[in-house]
Protein backbone atom coordinates (compact mmCIF):
# COMPACT_ATOMS: atom_id res chain seq x y z
CA MET A 1 -0.95 -126.09 1.18
CA ASP A 2 2.04 -125.44 3.53
CA THR A 3 3.61 -122.11 3.34
CA HIS A 4 7.08 -123.41 2.80
CA LEU A 5 5.98 -125.64 0.02
CA MET A 6 4.31 -122.70 -1.79
CA ILE A 7 7.34 -120.45 -1.39
CA GLY A 8 9.48 -123.32 -2.87
CA ILE A 9 7.28 -123.89 -5.83
CA ALA A 10 7.51 -119.99 -6.38
CA VAL A 11 11.27 -120.04 -6.29
CA MET A 12 11.49 -122.91 -8.67
CA MET A 13 8.97 -121.30 -10.99
CA GLY A 14 11.19 -118.12 -11.01
CA LEU A 15 14.24 -120.06 -11.63
CA ILE A 16 12.75 -121.69 -14.47
CA GLY A 17 11.51 -118.39 -16.02
CA ILE A 18 15.05 -116.80 -15.57
CA ALA A 19 16.75 -119.94 -17.27
CA ALA A 20 14.18 -119.62 -20.11
CA SER A 21 14.74 -115.96 -20.66
CA ARG A 22 18.36 -116.16 -20.71
CA ASP A 23 17.95 -118.93 -23.29
CA LEU A 24 15.73 -116.68 -25.33
CA LEU A 25 17.95 -113.82 -25.17
CA ARG A 26 20.88 -115.93 -26.06
CA MET A 27 19.24 -117.24 -29.26
CA ARG A 28 18.00 -113.64 -30.27
CA ARG A 29 21.60 -112.27 -29.91
CA ALA A 30 23.03 -115.07 -32.20
CA GLN A 31 20.31 -114.16 -34.94
CA LEU A 32 21.02 -110.44 -34.90
CA GLN A 33 24.73 -110.65 -35.40
CA PRO A 34 25.85 -109.12 -38.76
CA VAL A 35 27.44 -111.25 -41.61
CA THR A 36 30.16 -110.10 -43.99
CA LEU A 37 29.12 -110.50 -47.60
CA ARG A 38 31.52 -110.11 -50.73
CA VAL A 39 29.81 -108.77 -53.81
CA GLN A 40 31.45 -108.98 -56.98
CA ARG A 41 30.26 -107.31 -60.24
CA PRO A 42 29.87 -109.81 -63.25
CA VAL A 43 32.64 -108.95 -65.95
CA ASP A 44 30.48 -108.27 -68.86
CA ALA A 45 27.69 -105.87 -66.82
CA PRO A 46 27.40 -102.38 -68.25
CA ARG A 47 28.87 -99.77 -66.02
CA GLY A 48 26.71 -96.85 -67.15
CA LEU A 49 23.45 -98.40 -65.88
CA ARG A 50 22.57 -98.43 -62.13
């Protein structure tokens, strides 16, 4: 194979790998964001038991 063609293929594979890893990191960060929750006690719950 031609050397220039092999270098071109390697560069394209590298760019595809970088794009895929950035996408995976972005998805992972979206899953790790904390969510605020409001917790309310029922009115008729006994307060002595925990």
